[in-house]
Amino acid sequence: MFTRDEAEALLKKYNPNEALIYHAYCVEETMRRFS
């Protein structure tokens, strides 16, 4: 299991597009609220 910081580093490494990173943060927050 990755820590949040490790996952964020991988996200930024493989997705340099800021819009995709923003989308990932939105999805993360949505999943937190549903859980």
N, C-alpha and C. Protein backbone atom coordinates (compact mmCIF):
# COMPACT_ATOMS: atom_id res chain seq x y z
N MET A 1 0.84 -1.17 0.00
CA MET A 1 0.00 0.00 0.00
C MET A 1 0.89 1.24 0.00
N PHE A 2 0.55 2.19 -0.84
CA PHE A 2 1.30 3.44 -0.92
C PHE A 2 0.80 4.43 0.12
N THR A 3 1.70 5.29 0.57
CA THR A 3 1.26 6.44 1.36
C THR A 3 0.69 7.46 0.39
N ARG A 4 -0.01 8.44 0.91
CA ARG A 4 -0.58 9.47 0.04
C ARG A 4 0.53 10.23 -0.68
N ASP A 5 1.62 10.51 0.02
CA ASP A 5 2.74 11.24 -0.59
C ASP A 5 3.38 10.45 -1.73
N GLU A 6 3.53 9.14 -1.53
CA GLU A 6 4.10 8.30 -2.59
C GLU A 6 3.17 8.25 -3.80
N ALA A 7 1.88 8.14 -3.54
CA ALA A 7 0.90 8.11 -4.63
C ALA A 7 0.89 9.43 -5.39
N GLU A 8 1.00 10.53 -4.66
CA GLU A 8 1.02 11.84 -5.30
C GLU A 8 2.27 12.00 -6.17
N ALA A 9 3.40 11.51 -5.70
CA ALA A 9 4.64 11.58 -6.49
C ALA A 9 4.50 10.78 -7.78
N LEU A 10 3.90 9.59 -7.70
CA LEU A 10 3.68 8.79 -8.91
C LEU A 10 2.71 9.48 -9.86
N LEU A 11 1.66 10.06 -9.31
CA LEU A 11 0.69 10.78 -10.12
C LEU A 11 1.37 11.88 -10.92
N LYS A 12 2.19 12.67 -10.26
CA LYS A 12 2.86 13.79 -10.92
C LYS A 12 3.95 13.31 -11.88
N LYS A 13 4.56 12.17 -11.59
CA LYS A 13 5.59 11.63 -12.47
C LYS A 13 5.01 11.19 -13.81
N TYR A 14 3.88 10.49 -13.76
CA TYR A 14 3.30 9.90 -14.96
C TYR A 14 2.19 10.73 -15.58
N ASN A 15 1.73 11.78 -14.92
CA ASN A 15 0.68 12.66 -15.45
C ASN A 15 1.12 14.11 -15.30
N PRO A 16 1.92 14.61 -16.22
CA PRO A 16 2.39 15.99 -16.10
C PRO A 16 1.31 17.04 -16.37
N ASN A 17 0.16 16.62 -16.88
CA ASN A 17 -0.92 17.54 -17.21
C ASN A 17 -1.61 17.99 -15.93
N GLU A 18 -1.61 19.30 -15.69
CA GLU A 18 -2.21 19.85 -14.46
C GLU A 18 -3.71 19.56 -14.37
N ALA A 19 -4.39 19.52 -15.49
CA ALA A 19 -5.83 19.25 -15.47
C ALA A 19 -6.11 17.83 -14.97
N LEU A 20 -5.27 16.88 -15.37
CA LEU A 20 -5.46 15.50 -14.90
C LEU A 20 -5.15 15.37 -13.42
N ILE A 21 -4.16 16.12 -12.96
CA ILE A 21 -3.82 16.09 -11.54
C ILE A 21 -4.97 16.69 -10.73
N TYR A 22 -5.52 17.79 -11.20
CA TYR A 22 -6.66 18.41 -10.52
C TYR A 22 -7.84 17.44 -10.48
N HIS A 23 -8.08 16.76 -11.60
CA HIS A 23 -9.17 15.78 -11.66
C HIS A 23 -8.94 14.67 -10.63
N ALA A 24 -7.71 14.21 -10.51
CA ALA A 24 -7.39 13.15 -9.54
C ALA A 24 -7.68 13.62 -8.12
N TYR A 25 -7.36 14.87 -7.81
CA TYR A 25 -7.65 15.39 -6.47
C TYR A 25 -9.15 15.47 -6.23
N CYS A 26 -9.91 15.85 -7.26
CA CYS A 26 -11.37 15.91 -7.13
C CYS A 26 -11.95 14.52 -6.89
N VAL A 27 -11.45 13.53 -7.61
CA VAL A 27 -11.91 12.16 -7.43
C VAL A 27 -11.56 11.67 -6.03
N GLU A 28 -10.35 12.00 -5.58
CA GLU A 28 -9.93 11.60 -4.23
C GLU A 28 -10.88 12.16 -3.17
N GLU A 29 -11.20 13.42 -3.28
CA GLU A 29 -12.09 14.05 -2.29
C GLU A 29 -13.49 13.45 -2.35
N THR A 30 -13.97 13.17 -3.55
CA THR A 30 -15.28 12.54 -3.70
C THR A 30 -15.31 11.17 -3.03
N MET A 31 -14.28 10.39 -3.26
CA MET A 31 -14.21 9.05 -2.66
C MET A 31 -14.13 9.13 -1.13
N ARG A 32 -13.42 10.13 -0.62
CA ARG A 32 -13.35 10.30 0.84
C ARG A 32 -14.74 10.60 1.42
N ARG A 33 -15.50 11.42 0.72
CA ARG A 33 -16.83 11.78 1.22
C ARG A 33 -17.81 10.61 1.16
N PHE A 34 -17.66 9.76 0.15
CA PHE A 34 -18.54 8.59 0.04
C PHE A 34 -18.19 7.50 1.04
N SER A 35 -16.94 7.47 1.49
CA SER A 35 -16.54 6.38 2.40
C SER A 35 -16.93 6.66 3.84
